[in-house]
Amino acid sequence: MVDWNLAVATATRLARPGPDVSRDEARSVVAELRRHAKASEEHVRGFTRMGTEEIHDTPVLVVDRPGWVRANVAGFREILKPLLEKMQERRGGNPGSAVLGAVGGKVTGVELGMLLSFLSSRVLGQYETFAPAARDLPAGANGGGRLLLVAPNIVHVERELDVEPHDFRLWVCLHEETHRTQFTAVPWLRDHLEGEIQSFLAETDVDPMTFLERIRDAAQSLVGGRPEGEEEDGGRSFVELVQTPAQREVLSRLTAVMSLLEGHADYVMDGVGPSVVPTVAEIREKFQQRRAKGASRLDSALRKLLGLDAKLRQYRDGERFVRAVVEQVGVDGFNRVWTSPNTLPTKAEIAKPADWVARVHRRPEA
């Protein structure tokens, strides 16, 4: 169904070259990122009061852009396996399915590779939650993930923003280490997310014609050809437009969780920052400006098409939620969010933190 090797080859071939650095400078950057990742563990645990007794077995990998691509393709293969098997079973009895599958797999592989090549130059770091272990890409035991730091992208952005390199590298590590802490200190979080993602995929239309019709409708909406009275879809991304109603319900829950995780990481990054990153105020201001405007008109268009603008809103809305809750009930009160799936905020509560506080911290009636 998907030619994964072709996806890796396509992304690697199309990925932009990284910044110009000498071999010695590259080694220095890699070594410093590893030191900062290690130092960030203590900073994040102390600030969040999460997992102080936990033993992290998830590795920290400093990778280049092709390394990031290989890691993400491995993750995609793992999480999409049930859906692809379902599609294969549905199509298996059709005449010519083997030929169509081979051709379709290559087309999908090229398209996935093009997407990953675009993203590979933009991701600074990533906690890979569903990471299968491989010889060149180790992962934590018992389904644990791995933390990726994309060295060329970090160097590129610190130069672009003209910020102090050592401070910026630590600042990035603080954000990514927060994600690592979230998943290692909250044992049920990974399984919960995987369950939601599998629920989302289970609702995917596996009939090719139905899926193609929805893609056509989505494309018409994106180019302004939507029927009169359907303007409300104009703000959605392509990814959202090809979803079923049931998938949108799952997506609402996933959006709330991702807003929480990203907002919490931003809150921790800025909370720890002043004590260990002297230029954190300058870095934050410049980085926010970069997030908001994108690199170019094409970049902005692709971000909207792929739904990446929604991710930017997750950072902003999630950080606002975390800050408001901590102001009302303190860090320990906020940490009740990690008690169970039932204490996670809904999408509506992300926008109205007081509603989450009222629900989770409501006093029992006398």
Protein backbone atom coordinates (compact mmCIF):
# COMPACT_ATOMS: atom_id res chain seq x y z
CA MET A 1 0.00 0.00 0.00
CA VAL A 2 2.92 2.35 0.69
CA ASP A 3 6.43 1.99 -0.69
CA TRP A 4 8.22 3.04 2.49
CA ASN A 5 11.71 2.72 1.03
CA LEU A 6 10.71 5.02 -1.82
CA ALA A 7 9.31 7.49 0.71
CA VAL A 8 12.67 7.61 2.50
CA ALA A 9 14.60 7.88 -0.77
CA THR A 10 12.34 10.66 -2.08
CA ALA A 11 12.49 12.69 1.12
CA THR A 12 16.26 12.30 1.38
CA ARG A 13 16.76 13.36 -2.23
CA LEU A 14 14.47 16.40 -1.97
CA ALA A 15 15.48 17.57 1.51
CA ARG A 16 17.25 20.91 1.52
CA PRO A 17 20.94 20.89 2.41
CA GLY A 18 21.69 21.94 5.97
CA PRO A 19 23.69 25.01 7.00
CA ASP A 20 27.35 25.20 6.11
CA VAL A 21 29.35 23.92 9.08
CA SER A 22 32.80 22.39 9.40
CA ARG A 23 33.23 18.84 10.63
CA ASP A 24 34.66 20.06 13.93
CA GLU A 25 31.78 22.49 14.40
CA ALA A 26 29.26 19.74 13.68
CA ARG A 27 30.84 17.50 16.30
CA SER A 28 30.79 20.36 18.79
CA VAL A 29 27.08 21.03 18.17
CA VAL A 30 26.19 17.35 18.59
CA ALA A 31 28.15 17.09 21.84
CA GLU A 32 26.59 20.26 23.23
CA LEU A 33 23.05 19.16 22.39
CA ARG A 34 23.63 15.89 24.22
CA ARG A 35 24.91 17.76 27.28
CA HIS A 36 21.95 20.14 27.22
CA ALA A 37 19.50 17.24 26.85
CA LYS A 38 20.98 15.59 29.93
CA ALA A 39 20.95 18.84 31.94
CA SER A 40 17.35 19.52 30.89
CA GLU A 41 16.11 16.39 32.66
CA GLU A 42 16.82 17.82 36.10
CA HIS A 43 15.58 21.31 35.20
CA VAL A 44 12.27 20.01 33.83
CA ARG A 45 11.60 17.49 36.60
CA GLY A 46 12.27 20.09 39.27
CA PHE A 47 10.01 22.70 37.69
CA THR A 48 7.13 20.38 36.79
CA ARG A 49 7.36 18.13 39.90
CA MET A 50 6.78 15.19 37.57
CA GLY A 51 8.59 11.89 37.56
CA THR A 52 11.33 12.75 40.03
CA GLU A 53 11.71 9.04 40.82
CA GLU A 54 11.34 7.87 37.23
CA ILE A 55 14.23 6.29 35.37
CA HIS A 56 14.29 7.45 31.78
CA ASP A 57 15.20 4.63 29.42
CA THR A 58 14.31 6.58 26.29
CA PRO A 59 17.41 7.47 24.27
CA VAL A 60 18.33 10.94 23.05
CA LEU A 61 19.40 10.91 19.38
CA VAL A 62 21.00 13.88 17.66
CA VAL A 63 20.17 13.39 13.97
CA ASP A 64 20.46 15.09 10.61
CA ARG A 65 17.53 15.60 8.23
CA PRO A 66 17.72 12.14 6.59
CA GLY A 67 17.93 10.61 10.06
CA TRP A 68 14.76 12.43 11.08
CA VAL A 69 13.04 11.15 7.93
CA ARG A 70 14.04 7.52 8.61
CA ALA A 71 12.82 7.75 12.20
CA ASN A 72 9.45 9.17 11.20
CA VAL A 73 8.88 6.68 8.41
CA ALA A 74 9.48 3.91 10.96
CA GLY A 75 6.91 5.55 13.24
CA PHE A 76 4.38 5.89 10.41
CA ARG A 77 4.78 2.24 9.49
CA GLU A 78 4.06 1.23 13.07
CA ILE A 79 1.02 3.40 13.72
CA LEU A 80 -0.57 2.92 10.26
CA LYS A 81 -0.11 -0.85 10.15
CA PRO A 82 -3.71 -1.74 11.20
CA LEU A 83 -5.23 0.67 8.67
CA LEU A 84 -3.05 -0.52 5.79
CA GLU A 85 -3.80 -4.16 6.58
CA LYS A 86 -7.51 -3.34 6.56
CA MET A 87 -7.21 -1.62 3.18
CA GLN A 88 -5.20 -4.54 1.80
CA GLU A 89 -7.88 -7.03 2.86
CA ARG A 90 -10.62 -4.91 1.30
CA ARG A 91 -8.81 -4.71 -2.02
CA GLY A 92 -7.23 -8.16 -2.05
CA GLY A 93 -9.95 -9.94 -4.06
CA ASN A 94 -10.26 -7.37 -6.83
CA PRO A 95 -8.87 -8.21 -10.29
CA GLY A 96 -5.55 -6.56 -10.94
CA SER A 97 -5.16 -5.56 -7.32
CA ALA A 98 -1.50 -6.60 -7.24
CA VAL A 99 -0.59 -4.30 -10.13
CA LEU A 100 -2.69 -1.45 -8.81
CA GLY A 101 -1.21 -1.93 -5.35
CA ALA A 102 2.35 -1.75 -6.64
CA VAL A 103 1.66 1.41 -8.62
CA GLY A 104 -0.39 2.98 -5.84
CA GLY A 105 2.27 2.14 -3.27
CA LYS A 106 4.91 3.97 -5.28
CA VAL A 107 2.69 7.01 -5.81
CA THR A 108 1.90 7.14 -2.10
CA GLY A 109 5.57 6.65 -1.27
CA VAL A 110 6.58 9.61 -3.43
CA GLU A 111 3.84 11.82 -1.96
CA LEU A 112 4.81 10.90 1.60
CA GLY A 113 8.45 11.53 0.76
CA MET A 114 7.63 15.00 -0.58
CA LEU A 115 5.76 15.84 2.62
CA LEU A 116 8.59 14.60 4.83
CA SER A 117 11.17 16.52 2.82
CA PHE A 118 9.21 19.71 3.50
CA LEU A 119 8.96 19.00 7.20
CA SER A 120 12.52 17.72 7.64
CA SER A 121 14.02 21.21 7.41
CA ARG A 122 11.57 22.71 9.90
CA VAL A 123 11.46 20.37 12.90
CA LEU A 124 13.91 21.30 15.66
CA GLY A 125 13.18 18.37 17.94
CA GLN A 126 10.61 15.68 18.50
CA TYR A 127 9.68 13.12 21.12
CA GLU A 128 8.78 10.12 18.99
CA THR A 129 6.11 8.34 20.97
CA PHE A 130 5.46 5.30 18.77
CA ALA A 131 9.03 4.47 17.90
CA PRO A 132 10.01 0.90 17.04
CA ALA A 133 13.63 0.13 17.80
CA ALA A 134 16.05 -0.37 14.91
CA ARG A 135 19.78 -0.97 14.67
CA ASP A 136 20.57 2.66 13.81
CA LEU A 137 17.56 4.12 15.66
CA PRO A 138 17.33 2.73 19.21
CA ALA A 139 14.20 3.24 21.28
CA GLY A 140 13.18 2.74 24.88
CA ALA A 141 12.35 -0.69 26.24
CA ASN A 142 8.76 -1.93 26.49
CA GLY A 143 7.44 0.40 23.81
CA GLY A 144 9.22 3.50 25.05
CA GLY A 145 9.96 6.27 22.61
CA ARG A 146 13.02 8.29 21.69
CA LEU A 147 13.92 11.96 21.72
CA LEU A 148 15.19 13.39 18.42
CA LEU A 149 17.15 16.63 18.16
CA VAL A 150 17.67 17.75 14.54
CA ALA A 151 21.08 19.44 14.69
CA PRO A 152 21.17 21.19 11.27
CA ASN A 153 17.74 22.75 11.82
CA ILE A 154 18.70 24.05 15.26
CA VAL A 155 21.86 25.63 13.85
CA HIS A 156 19.91 27.10 10.92
CA VAL A 157 17.31 28.75 13.14
CA GLU A 158 19.78 30.12 15.70
CA ARG A 159 21.66 31.78 12.84
CA GLU A 160 18.49 33.04 11.21
CA LEU A 161 17.28 34.59 14.48
CA ASP A 162 20.78 35.86 15.37
CA VAL A 163 20.51 34.62 18.95
CA GLU A 164 23.13 33.27 21.35
CA PRO A 165 23.70 29.69 20.10
CA HIS A 166 24.36 28.00 23.46
CA ASP A 167 21.26 29.55 25.01
CA PHE A 168 19.07 28.64 22.05
CA ARG A 169 20.21 25.00 22.06
CA LEU A 170 19.41 24.62 25.75
CA TRP A 171 16.06 26.36 25.25
CA VAL A 172 15.09 23.86 22.54
CA CYS A 173 16.20 20.94 24.71
CA LEU A 174 14.01 22.16 27.58
CA HIS A 175 10.93 22.02 25.34
CA GLU A 176 11.66 18.55 24.00
CA GLU A 177 12.66 17.18 27.40
CA THR A 178 9.27 18.28 28.73
CA HIS A 179 7.61 15.98 26.19
CA ARG A 180 9.93 13.17 27.23
CA THR A 181 8.98 13.76 30.87
CA GLN A 182 5.26 13.85 30.07
CA PHE A 183 5.31 10.37 28.54
CA THR A 184 7.75 8.73 30.95
CA ALA A 185 6.10 10.13 34.08
CA VAL A 186 2.53 9.39 32.92
CA PRO A 187 2.52 5.68 32.02
CA TRP A 188 -1.01 5.58 30.58
CA LEU A 189 -0.55 8.56 28.23
CA ARG A 190 1.07 6.68 25.36
CA ASP A 191 -1.56 3.93 25.28
CA HIS A 192 -4.34 6.51 25.50
CA LEU A 193 -2.99 8.46 22.54
CA GLU A 194 -2.46 5.30 20.51
CA GLY A 195 -6.03 4.23 21.24
CA GLU A 196 -7.39 7.57 20.05
CA ILE A 197 -5.29 7.45 16.88
CA GLN A 198 -6.43 3.91 16.11
CA SER A 199 -10.05 4.99 16.66
CA PHE A 200 -9.45 7.80 14.18
CA LEU A 201 -7.93 5.43 11.62
CA ALA A 202 -10.67 2.84 12.11
CA GLU A 203 -13.20 5.39 10.87
CA THR A 204 -11.23 6.02 7.67
CA ASP A 205 -13.11 5.18 4.48
CA VAL A 206 -11.22 2.26 2.98
CA ASP A 207 -13.21 2.32 -0.26
CA PRO A 208 -10.91 4.09 -2.75
CA MET A 209 -13.72 5.75 -4.72
CA THR A 210 -15.30 7.21 -1.59
CA PHE A 211 -11.96 8.53 -0.45
CA LEU A 212 -11.24 10.04 -3.88
CA GLU A 213 -14.61 11.78 -3.89
CA ARG A 214 -13.85 13.34 -0.52
CA ILE A 215 -10.42 14.44 -1.73
CA ARG A 216 -12.06 16.05 -4.80
CA ASP A 217 -14.55 17.91 -2.58
CA ALA A 218 -11.73 19.05 -0.34
CA ALA A 219 -9.71 20.30 -3.30
CA GLN A 220 -12.72 22.28 -4.58
CA SER A 221 -13.11 23.89 -1.17
CA LEU A 222 -9.45 24.82 -1.03
CA VAL A 223 -9.52 26.56 -4.43
CA GLY A 224 -12.73 28.42 -3.67
CA GLY A 225 -15.06 26.13 -5.61
CA ARG A 226 -17.21 25.06 -2.67
CA PRO A 227 -20.97 25.25 -3.11
CA GLU A 228 -22.78 28.31 -1.83
CA GLY A 229 -23.63 28.04 1.86
CA GLU A 230 -20.59 25.92 2.76
CA GLU A 231 -18.21 28.77 3.51
CA GLU A 232 -17.73 27.51 7.06
CA ASP A 233 -15.23 24.96 5.71
CA GLY A 234 -13.01 27.71 4.36
CA GLY A 235 -10.85 27.83 7.48
CA ARG A 236 -10.14 24.11 7.58
CA SER A 237 -7.01 22.42 6.34
CA PHE A 238 -6.95 19.72 3.68
CA VAL A 239 -6.39 17.14 6.40
CA GLU A 240 -9.56 18.20 8.22
CA LEU A 241 -11.69 18.35 5.09
CA VAL A 242 -11.25 14.66 4.24
CA GLN A 243 -12.47 13.47 7.62
CA THR A 244 -15.74 11.80 8.54
CA PRO A 245 -17.94 13.23 11.32
CA ALA A 246 -16.82 10.43 13.67
CA GLN A 247 -13.19 11.29 12.94
CA ARG A 248 -13.82 14.93 13.76
CA GLU A 249 -15.03 13.90 17.22
CA VAL A 250 -11.82 11.94 17.80
CA LEU A 251 -9.81 14.81 16.36
CA SER A 252 -11.41 17.19 18.84
CA ARG A 253 -10.17 15.05 21.71
CA LEU A 254 -6.73 14.65 20.13
CA THR A 255 -6.49 18.39 19.55
CA ALA A 256 -7.18 19.03 23.22
CA VAL A 257 -4.48 16.56 24.31
CA MET A 258 -1.92 17.93 21.86
CA SER A 259 -2.72 21.49 22.91
CA LEU A 260 -2.11 20.46 26.52
CA LEU A 261 1.20 18.74 25.72
CA GLU A 262 2.55 21.52 23.50
CA GLY A 263 1.32 24.31 25.73
CA HIS A 264 2.78 22.64 28.81
CA ALA A 265 6.15 22.30 27.04
CA ASP A 266 6.12 25.99 26.11
CA TYR A 267 5.14 26.96 29.65
CA VAL A 268 7.94 24.87 31.16
CA MET A 269 10.47 26.10 28.63
CA ASP A 270 9.76 29.71 29.54
CA GLY A 271 9.39 28.96 33.25
CA VAL A 272 12.78 27.28 33.52
CA GLY A 273 14.37 29.62 31.00
CA PRO A 274 15.09 32.72 33.12
CA SER A 275 17.18 30.74 35.61
CA VAL A 276 19.31 28.84 33.08
CA VAL A 277 18.97 30.68 29.73
CA PRO A 278 20.13 34.29 30.17
CA THR A 279 18.76 35.50 26.81
CA VAL A 280 15.42 33.66 27.01
CA ALA A 281 13.32 36.84 26.56
CA GLU A 282 15.07 37.72 23.30
CA ILE A 283 14.87 34.14 22.04
CA ARG A 284 11.16 33.85 22.82
CA GLU A 285 10.29 37.15 21.11
CA LYS A 286 12.21 36.36 17.94
CA PHE A 287 11.01 32.77 17.81
CA GLN A 288 7.37 33.79 18.20
CA GLN A 289 7.73 36.22 15.33
CA ARG A 290 9.22 33.48 13.19
CA ARG A 291 6.41 31.07 14.08
CA ALA A 292 3.77 33.62 13.22
CA LYS A 293 4.97 34.72 9.80
CA GLY A 294 6.51 31.58 8.29
CA ALA A 295 9.47 31.64 5.95
CA SER A 296 7.66 32.58 2.74
CA ARG A 297 4.29 32.78 1.05
CA LEU A 298 4.74 29.22 -0.21
CA ASP A 299 5.65 28.07 3.27
CA SER A 300 2.52 29.73 4.69
CA ALA A 301 0.33 28.14 2.03
CA LEU A 302 1.76 24.69 2.71
CA ARG A 303 1.36 25.14 6.44
CA LYS A 304 -2.32 25.95 5.99
CA LEU A 305 -2.83 23.10 3.54
CA LEU A 306 -1.24 20.54 5.87
CA GLY A 307 -2.91 21.84 8.99
CA LEU A 308 0.30 23.13 10.57
CA ASP A 309 -1.35 26.44 11.41
CA ALA A 310 -3.53 24.45 13.78
CA LYS A 311 -0.38 23.28 15.54
CA LEU A 312 0.66 26.90 16.07
CA ARG A 313 -2.71 27.55 17.70
CA GLN A 314 -2.11 24.52 19.94
CA TYR A 315 1.07 26.09 21.30
CA ARG A 316 -0.70 29.36 22.04
CA ASP A 317 -3.98 28.03 23.40
CA GLY A 318 -2.35 25.23 25.39
CA GLU A 319 0.19 27.53 27.03
CA ARG A 320 -2.61 29.92 27.98
CA PHE A 321 -4.56 27.02 29.52
CA VAL A 322 -1.59 25.80 31.58
CA ARG A 323 -0.72 29.27 32.79
CA ALA A 324 -4.31 30.04 33.84
CA VAL A 325 -4.71 26.74 35.71
CA VAL A 326 -1.38 27.10 37.54
CA GLU A 327 -2.38 30.63 38.58
CA GLN A 328 -5.63 29.29 40.05
CA VAL A 329 -4.59 26.01 41.69
CA GLY A 330 -0.77 25.89 41.58
CA VAL A 331 1.58 23.38 39.96
CA ASP A 332 0.36 20.43 42.03
CA GLY A 333 -3.23 21.36 41.26
CA PHE A 334 -2.43 21.50 37.56
CA ASN A 335 -0.69 18.11 37.73
CA ARG A 336 -4.04 16.49 38.47
CA VAL A 337 -4.44 16.70 34.69
CA TRP A 338 -2.17 13.63 34.50
CA THR A 339 -4.34 11.48 36.81
CA SER A 340 -6.28 9.64 34.10
CA PRO A 341 -7.85 10.19 30.66
CA ASN A 342 -10.91 11.53 32.48
CA THR A 343 -8.93 14.46 33.89
CA LEU A 344 -7.56 15.55 30.53
CA PRO A 345 -9.11 18.82 29.34
CA THR A 346 -11.63 18.85 26.55
CA LYS A 347 -11.20 21.15 23.58
CA ALA A 348 -13.78 23.50 25.11
CA GLU A 349 -11.93 23.49 28.45
CA ILE A 350 -8.67 24.40 26.73
CA ALA A 351 -10.42 27.63 25.73
CA LYS A 352 -12.01 28.03 29.18
CA PRO A 353 -9.53 26.83 31.84
CA ALA A 354 -11.87 27.78 34.68
CA ASP A 355 -14.29 25.10 33.47
CA TRP A 356 -11.59 22.43 33.81
CA VAL A 357 -10.71 23.67 37.30
CA ALA A 358 -14.38 23.58 38.29
CA ARG A 359 -14.79 20.01 36.98
CA VAL A 360 -11.59 18.44 38.29
CA HIS A 361 -11.24 20.43 41.52
CA ARG A 362 -14.89 20.66 42.45
CA ARG A 363 -15.42 20.30 46.17
CA PRO A 364 -17.58 17.41 47.34
CA GLU A 365 -20.95 18.47 48.63
CA ALA A 366 -21.18 18.63 52.41
